[in-house]
Each structure stands twice: as C-alpha cells, then as structure tokens.
Amino acid sequence: MTEAVDTRERLLGTALGLYAEHGVEGTSLQQIADALGVTKAAVYYYFKTKDEIALAVVEPGLRDLRAAVTAAEAQRRQGARVDTMLDGLVDVIIRHRTLVRLFNGDPGLKRIVEASVREYGGVAERMMAVLVGPDPTPEARVATLVAVLGMSGTGGAPEAADLDDDHLRAALLDAGRRALGRPRRR
C-alpha cells in the first residue's frame, strides 16, 4: 500500500470514528486533521469538502450492498432471491456496524448519502424490489420494511454492540426471515 493510500484510509477511519462520536455535522475538517496529526491542508489534499469525506466513508458499505443486491437479482427463484438478499444484507450490516448506526441516526450523513445515491443505481429500491417480489400487497411491503429497518436498526444499535458477529448474524437472519414469512433454516 502506498503512503498516500494509507494516509487516505487512515483519514477515512478517523473520520468514521469522529462521526460516530460527534455526528457528521458536528465534526469539522480541523478535528479530522487534528486527530490524524496533520494539517487541514493535508486533509484538503485528499478531499475538498466534508461531504466528499462522508461519501468516501460510506462508499464501501454502499458498494457491498450493491454487490449483495446484484447477487440476489441473479437468482432464478423468488425464494432464493429473498434468501440471498437477506444473507447479503446481514453481511453488510455486520461488516459496517458503525456506518449502519450512523446512517440510521445521523441526519447529516443520511442527507449526504441520499443526495448522491443516484450513483449507486437505486440500490435501496432494487433491494426492496427483490424482497417484496412482483406485485406486492401492502402487507408484504410493510413486512419488508419491518425486516429491513429492524435488521439495520438492530445491527447498528449500541445495545447490540456487545454481541459477537456470529450471534448477531444468526439473530438478524432469524428475525428477518420471520418478518418476511420465510421458513426457518435448519
């Protein structure tokens, strides 16, 4: 890894930690620079605005979610599409717990992501379409929202932070499957 790539990755990790503590709107470029031990000009070398940093922080999570949706869409049977989507969504939630918590609770981050979501091919809409299937009833739409919002809200909740990945993964999958009326896995 080059020094520039390493510095950029450290900057993003530092920003994520500060966002988790202070929120996106409550974190300044100067705070990020100070926490990294660099000048504000060094931060500007990599990113011109705070919004650019926030987008770069969320990009890995959005990229992983897009890959999960694409994998689910590739399945032939609706049941396999739903199962693949649930597995992929839970993997994203586990892999990006801090980011999920921020997205669920930080209006500044949500604003930035929603403003740029077009770049990610309508990933949220595609995910919902996979999960509700064709011609969903209002009840199916509500059940899908309960599953997705409940799983992401729980996976990113501070109250679940003490759960190890394996236990959280199993519990989220079970809850999501039940919300969607999917059979239990053996």
C-alpha atoms as a PDB file:
ATOM      1  CA  MET A   1       0.000   0.000   0.000  1.00  0.00           C
ATOM      2  CA  THR A   2       1.409   3.393  -0.929  1.00  0.00           C
ATOM      3  CA  GLU A   3       1.797   6.073   1.691  1.00  0.00           C
ATOM      4  CA  ALA A   4      -0.894   8.198   0.011  1.00  0.00           C
ATOM      5  CA  VAL A   5      -3.389   5.308   0.029  1.00  0.00           C
ATOM      6  CA  ASP A   6      -2.514   4.502   3.641  1.00  0.00           C
ATOM      7  CA  THR A   7      -2.982   8.153   4.659  1.00  0.00           C
ATOM      8  CA  ARG A   8      -6.304   8.323   2.829  1.00  0.00           C
ATOM      9  CA  GLU A   9      -7.522   5.131   4.539  1.00  0.00           C
ATOM     10  CA  ARG A  10      -6.388   6.423   7.950  1.00  0.00           C
ATOM     11  CA  LEU A  11      -8.205   9.688   7.227  1.00  0.00           C
ATOM     12  CA  LEU A  12     -11.412   7.820   6.425  1.00  0.00           C
ATOM     13  CA  GLY A  13     -11.111   5.634   9.530  1.00  0.00           C
ATOM     14  CA  THR A  14     -10.505   8.696  11.671  1.00  0.00           C
ATOM     15  CA  ALA A  15     -13.469  10.494  10.112  1.00  0.00           C
ATOM     16  CA  LEU A  16     -15.731   7.489  10.748  1.00  0.00           C
ATOM     17  CA  GLY A  17     -14.680   7.405  14.400  1.00  0.00           C
ATOM     18  CA  LEU A  18     -15.294  11.125  14.812  1.00  0.00           C
ATOM     19  CA  TYR A  19     -18.627  10.889  13.017  1.00  0.00           C
ATOM     20  CA  ALA A  20     -19.634   8.103  15.392  1.00  0.00           C
ATOM     21  CA  GLU A  21     -18.762  10.324  18.333  1.00  0.00           C
ATOM     22  CA  HIS A  22     -19.921  13.761  17.134  1.00  0.00           C
ATOM     23  CA  GLY A  23     -22.028  13.165  14.010  1.00  0.00           C
ATOM     24  CA  VAL A  24     -21.157  14.353  10.531  1.00  0.00           C
ATOM     25  CA  GLU A  25     -22.396  17.894  11.108  1.00  0.00           C
ATOM     26  CA  GLY A  26     -20.592  18.035  14.458  1.00  0.00           C
ATOM     27  CA  THR A  27     -17.221  17.030  13.000  1.00  0.00           C
ATOM     28  CA  SER A  28     -15.039  19.635  11.338  1.00  0.00           C
ATOM     29  CA  LEU A  29     -12.220  19.150   8.863  1.00  0.00           C
ATOM     30  CA  GLN A  30      -9.947  20.644  11.506  1.00  0.00           C
ATOM     31  CA  GLN A  31     -10.987  17.966  14.021  1.00  0.00           C
ATOM     32  CA  ILE A  32     -10.178  15.270  11.485  1.00  0.00           C
ATOM     33  CA  ALA A  33      -6.800  16.852  10.773  1.00  0.00           C
ATOM     34  CA  ASP A  34      -6.026  17.212  14.491  1.00  0.00           C
ATOM     35  CA  ALA A  35      -6.976  13.609  15.220  1.00  0.00           C
ATOM     36  CA  LEU A  36      -4.701  12.449  12.384  1.00  0.00           C
ATOM     37  CA  GLY A  37      -1.883  14.747  13.459  1.00  0.00           C
ATOM     38  CA  VAL A  38      -1.772  16.522  10.098  1.00  0.00           C
ATOM     39  CA  THR A  39      -2.621  19.976   8.843  1.00  0.00           C
ATOM     40  CA  LYS A  40      -6.010  20.890   7.460  1.00  0.00           C
ATOM     41  CA  ALA A  41      -4.241  21.439   4.125  1.00  0.00           C
ATOM     42  CA  ALA A  42      -3.223  17.759   4.170  1.00  0.00           C
ATOM     43  CA  VAL A  43      -6.891  16.787   4.518  1.00  0.00           C
ATOM     44  CA  TYR A  44      -7.733  19.094   1.601  1.00  0.00           C
ATOM     45  CA  TYR A  45      -5.139  17.251  -0.495  1.00  0.00           C
ATOM     46  CA  TYR A  46      -7.409  14.184  -0.397  1.00  0.00           C
ATOM     47  CA  PHE A  47     -10.858  15.761  -0.098  1.00  0.00           C
ATOM     48  CA  LYS A  48     -12.129  19.236  -0.945  1.00  0.00           C
ATOM     49  CA  THR A  49     -15.208  19.165   1.309  1.00  0.00           C
ATOM     50  CA  LYS A  50     -16.579  17.444   4.349  1.00  0.00           C
ATOM     51  CA  ASP A  51     -19.315  15.945   2.161  1.00  0.00           C
ATOM     52  CA  GLU A  52     -16.641  14.305  -0.035  1.00  0.00           C
ATOM     53  CA  ILE A  53     -15.146  12.690   3.070  1.00  0.00           C
ATOM     54  CA  ALA A  54     -18.545  11.468   4.243  1.00  0.00           C
ATOM     55  CA  LEU A  55     -19.268   9.972   0.812  1.00  0.00           C
ATOM     56  CA  ALA A  56     -15.902   8.218   0.810  1.00  0.00           C
ATOM     57  CA  VAL A  57     -16.622   6.870   4.301  1.00  0.00           C
ATOM     58  CA  VAL A  58     -19.950   5.341   3.209  1.00  0.00           C
ATOM     59  CA  GLU A  59     -18.798   4.158  -0.223  1.00  0.00           C
ATOM     60  CA  PRO A  60     -17.552   0.710   0.924  1.00  0.00           C
ATOM     61  CA  GLY A  61     -20.901  -0.023   2.581  1.00  0.00           C
ATOM     62  CA  LEU A  62     -22.869   1.111  -0.465  1.00  0.00           C
ATOM     63  CA  ARG A  63     -20.573  -0.874  -2.761  1.00  0.00           C
ATOM     64  CA  ASP A  64     -21.067  -4.011  -0.629  1.00  0.00           C
ATOM     65  CA  LEU A  65     -24.843  -3.503  -0.573  1.00  0.00           C
ATOM     66  CA  ARG A  66     -24.922  -3.081  -4.343  1.00  0.00           C
ATOM     67  CA  ALA A  67     -22.970  -6.340  -4.736  1.00  0.00           C
ATOM     68  CA  ALA A  68     -25.435  -8.125  -2.419  1.00  0.00           C
ATOM     69  CA  VAL A  69     -28.404  -6.837  -4.416  1.00  0.00           C
ATOM     70  CA  THR A  70     -26.797  -7.864  -7.698  1.00  0.00           C
ATOM     71  CA  ALA A  71     -26.151 -11.372  -6.332  1.00  0.00           C
ATOM     72  CA  ALA A  72     -29.771 -11.649  -5.184  1.00  0.00           C
ATOM     73  CA  GLU A  73     -31.131 -10.402  -8.505  1.00  0.00           C
ATOM     74  CA  ALA A  74     -29.134 -13.125 -10.282  1.00  0.00           C
ATOM     75  CA  GLN A  75     -31.092 -15.899  -8.558  1.00  0.00           C
ATOM     76  CA  ARG A  76     -33.847 -17.542 -10.605  1.00  0.00           C
ATOM     77  CA  ARG A  77     -36.403 -18.391  -7.934  1.00  0.00           C
ATOM     78  CA  GLN A  78     -38.015 -15.707  -5.772  1.00  0.00           C
ATOM     79  CA  GLY A  79     -37.276 -17.649  -2.569  1.00  0.00           C
ATOM     80  CA  ALA A  80     -33.599 -17.891  -3.476  1.00  0.00           C
ATOM     81  CA  ARG A  81     -33.565 -14.171  -4.337  1.00  0.00           C
ATOM     82  CA  VAL A  82     -35.004 -13.299  -0.907  1.00  0.00           C
ATOM     83  CA  ASP A  83     -32.650 -15.655   0.946  1.00  0.00           C
ATOM     84  CA  THR A  84     -29.610 -14.335  -0.927  1.00  0.00           C
ATOM     85  CA  MET A  85     -30.688 -10.755  -0.273  1.00  0.00           C
ATOM     86  CA  LEU A  86     -31.199 -11.388   3.452  1.00  0.00           C
ATOM     87  CA  ASP A  87     -27.799 -13.066   3.725  1.00  0.00           C
ATOM     88  CA  GLY A  88     -26.130 -10.231   1.834  1.00  0.00           C
ATOM     89  CA  LEU A  89     -27.889  -7.517   3.798  1.00  0.00           C
ATOM     90  CA  VAL A  90     -26.923  -9.082   7.120  1.00  0.00           C
ATOM     91  CA  ASP A  91     -23.317  -9.412   5.949  1.00  0.00           C
ATOM     92  CA  VAL A  92     -23.287  -5.700   5.079  1.00  0.00           C
ATOM     93  CA  ILE A  93     -24.818  -4.799   8.449  1.00  0.00           C
ATOM     94  CA  ILE A  94     -22.224  -6.877  10.316  1.00  0.00           C
ATOM     95  CA  ARG A  95     -19.259  -5.675   8.253  1.00  0.00           C
ATOM     96  CA  HIS A  96     -20.267  -1.999   8.554  1.00  0.00           C
ATOM     97  CA  ARG A  97     -21.869  -1.793  12.014  1.00  0.00           C
ATOM     98  CA  THR A  98     -20.622   1.707  12.811  1.00  0.00           C
ATOM     99  CA  LEU A  99     -21.656   3.009   9.422  1.00  0.00           C
ATOM    100  CA  VAL A 100     -25.119   1.425   9.748  1.00  0.00           C
ATOM    101  CA  ARG A 101     -25.543   3.036  13.160  1.00  0.00           C
ATOM    102  CA  LEU A 102     -24.533   6.405  11.743  1.00  0.00           C
ATOM    103  CA  PHE A 103     -26.806   6.100   8.743  1.00  0.00           C
ATOM    104  CA  ASN A 104     -29.744   5.203  10.973  1.00  0.00           C
ATOM    105  CA  GLY A 105     -29.174   8.016  13.429  1.00  0.00           C
ATOM    106  CA  ASP A 106     -27.232  10.842  11.779  1.00  0.00           C
ATOM    107  CA  PRO A 107     -29.351  13.152   9.616  1.00  0.00           C
ATOM    108  CA  GLY A 108     -26.208  14.795   8.213  1.00  0.00           C
ATOM    109  CA  LEU A 109     -24.887  11.517   6.870  1.00  0.00           C
ATOM    110  CA  LYS A 110     -28.301  10.490   5.590  1.00  0.00           C
ATOM    111  CA  ARG A 111     -28.627  13.816   3.723  1.00  0.00           C
ATOM    112  CA  ILE A 112     -25.241  13.378   2.061  1.00  0.00           C
ATOM    113  CA  VAL A 113     -25.905   9.783   1.047  1.00  0.00           C
ATOM    114  CA  GLU A 114     -29.395  10.470  -0.278  1.00  0.00           C
ATOM    115  CA  ALA A 115     -28.067  13.362  -2.351  1.00  0.00           C
ATOM    116  CA  SER A 116     -25.590  11.047  -4.065  1.00  0.00           C
ATOM    117  CA  VAL A 117     -27.496   7.756  -4.116  1.00  0.00           C
ATOM    118  CA  ARG A 118     -28.162   8.005  -7.841  1.00  0.00           C
ATOM    119  CA  GLU A 119     -24.535   6.963  -8.353  1.00  0.00           C
ATOM    120  CA  TYR A 120     -25.338   3.629  -6.740  1.00  0.00           C
ATOM    121  CA  GLY A 121     -28.014   2.543  -9.202  1.00  0.00           C
ATOM    122  CA  GLY A 122     -31.026   2.866  -6.934  1.00  0.00           C
ATOM    123  CA  VAL A 123     -29.632   0.159  -4.670  1.00  0.00           C
ATOM    124  CA  ALA A 124     -32.241   0.669  -1.936  1.00  0.00           C
ATOM    125  CA  GLU A 125     -35.117   0.423  -4.413  1.00  0.00           C
ATOM    126  CA  ARG A 126     -33.567  -2.648  -6.040  1.00  0.00           C
ATOM    127  CA  MET A 127     -33.138  -4.325  -2.641  1.00  0.00           C
ATOM    128  CA  MET A 128     -36.762  -3.663  -1.724  1.00  0.00           C
ATOM    129  CA  ALA A 129     -37.941  -4.983  -5.113  1.00  0.00           C
ATOM    130  CA  VAL A 130     -36.029  -8.223  -4.539  1.00  0.00           C
ATOM    131  CA  LEU A 131     -37.502  -8.649  -1.076  1.00  0.00           C
ATOM    132  CA  VAL A 132     -41.141  -7.793  -1.823  1.00  0.00           C
ATOM    133  CA  GLY A 133     -41.264  -9.584  -5.161  1.00  0.00           C
ATOM    134  CA  PRO A 134     -43.581  -8.749  -8.026  1.00  0.00           C
ATOM    135  CA  ASP A 135     -46.972  -7.188  -7.289  1.00  0.00           C
ATOM    136  CA  PRO A 136     -46.558  -6.896  -3.503  1.00  0.00           C
ATOM    137  CA  THR A 137     -49.508  -6.456  -1.227  1.00  0.00           C
ATOM    138  CA  PRO A 138     -49.479  -3.583   1.260  1.00  0.00           C
ATOM    139  CA  GLU A 139     -48.869  -6.195   3.973  1.00  0.00           C
ATOM    140  CA  ALA A 140     -45.815  -7.546   2.120  1.00  0.00           C
ATOM    141  CA  ARG A 141     -44.427  -4.037   1.727  1.00  0.00           C
ATOM    142  CA  VAL A 142     -44.857  -3.345   5.444  1.00  0.00           C
ATOM    143  CA  ALA A 143     -43.311  -6.699   6.396  1.00  0.00           C
ATOM    144  CA  THR A 144     -40.336  -5.936   4.173  1.00  0.00           C
ATOM    145  CA  LEU A 145     -39.860  -2.520   5.747  1.00  0.00           C
ATOM    146  CA  VAL A 146     -40.099  -4.080   9.214  1.00  0.00           C
ATOM    147  CA  ALA A 147     -37.458  -6.634   8.221  1.00  0.00           C
ATOM    148  CA  VAL A 148     -35.010  -4.213   6.591  1.00  0.00           C
ATOM    149  CA  LEU A 149     -35.380  -1.338   9.045  1.00  0.00           C
ATOM    150  CA  GLY A 150     -35.491  -3.667  12.028  1.00  0.00           C
ATOM    151  CA  MET A 151     -32.390  -5.583  10.979  1.00  0.00           C
ATOM    152  CA  SER A 152     -30.367  -2.477  10.156  1.00  0.00           C
ATOM    153  CA  GLY A 153     -31.568  -0.603  13.234  1.00  0.00           C
ATOM    154  CA  THR A 154     -30.709  -3.518  15.495  1.00  0.00           C
ATOM    155  CA  GLY A 155     -27.401  -4.316  13.800  1.00  0.00           C
ATOM    156  CA  GLY A 156     -26.213  -0.761  14.258  1.00  0.00           C
ATOM    157  CA  ALA A 157     -27.707  -0.235  17.726  1.00  0.00           C
ATOM    158  CA  PRO A 158     -25.339   0.462  20.603  1.00  0.00           C
ATOM    159  CA  GLU A 159     -27.360  -2.068  22.603  1.00  0.00           C
ATOM    160  CA  ALA A 160     -26.161  -4.803  20.214  1.00  0.00           C
ATOM    161  CA  ALA A 161     -22.517  -3.699  20.189  1.00  0.00           C
ATOM    162  CA  ASP A 162     -21.529  -6.362  22.726  1.00  0.00           C
ATOM    163  CA  LEU A 163     -22.835  -9.202  20.525  1.00  0.00           C
ATOM    164  CA  ASP A 164     -20.194 -11.039  18.532  1.00  0.00           C
ATOM    165  CA  ASP A 165     -20.633 -11.189  14.774  1.00  0.00           C
ATOM    166  CA  ASP A 166     -21.775 -14.820  14.646  1.00  0.00           C
ATOM    167  CA  HIS A 167     -24.527 -14.399  17.242  1.00  0.00           C
ATOM    168  CA  LEU A 168     -25.702 -11.121  15.767  1.00  0.00           C
ATOM    169  CA  ARG A 169     -25.697 -12.586  12.240  1.00  0.00           C
ATOM    170  CA  ALA A 170     -27.797 -15.592  13.303  1.00  0.00           C
ATOM    171  CA  ALA A 171     -30.270 -13.451  15.258  1.00  0.00           C
ATOM    172  CA  LEU A 172     -30.673 -10.882  12.454  1.00  0.00           C
ATOM    173  CA  LEU A 173     -31.213 -13.579   9.830  1.00  0.00           C
ATOM    174  CA  ASP A 174     -33.766 -15.336  12.009  1.00  0.00           C
ATOM    175  CA  ALA A 175     -35.642 -12.091  12.696  1.00  0.00           C
ATOM    176  CA  GLY A 176     -35.568 -11.057   9.031  1.00  0.00           C
ATOM    177  CA  ARG A 177     -36.784 -14.454   7.864  1.00  0.00           C
ATOM    178  CA  ARG A 178     -39.624 -14.404  10.383  1.00  0.00           C
ATOM    179  CA  ALA A 179     -40.662 -10.877   9.400  1.00  0.00           C
ATOM    180  CA  LEU A 180     -40.812 -11.946   5.764  1.00  0.00           C
ATOM    181  CA  GLY A 181     -42.558 -15.230   6.476  1.00  0.00           C
ATOM    182  CA  ARG A 182     -39.612 -17.296   5.220  1.00  0.00           C
ATOM    183  CA  PRO A 183     -39.149 -20.850   6.535  1.00  0.00           C
ATOM    184  CA  ARG A 184     -36.555 -21.330   9.236  1.00  0.00           C
ATOM    185  CA  ARG A 185     -33.214 -22.682   8.144  1.00  0.00           C
ATOM    186  CA  ARG A 186     -32.048 -25.939   9.602  1.00  0.00           C
END
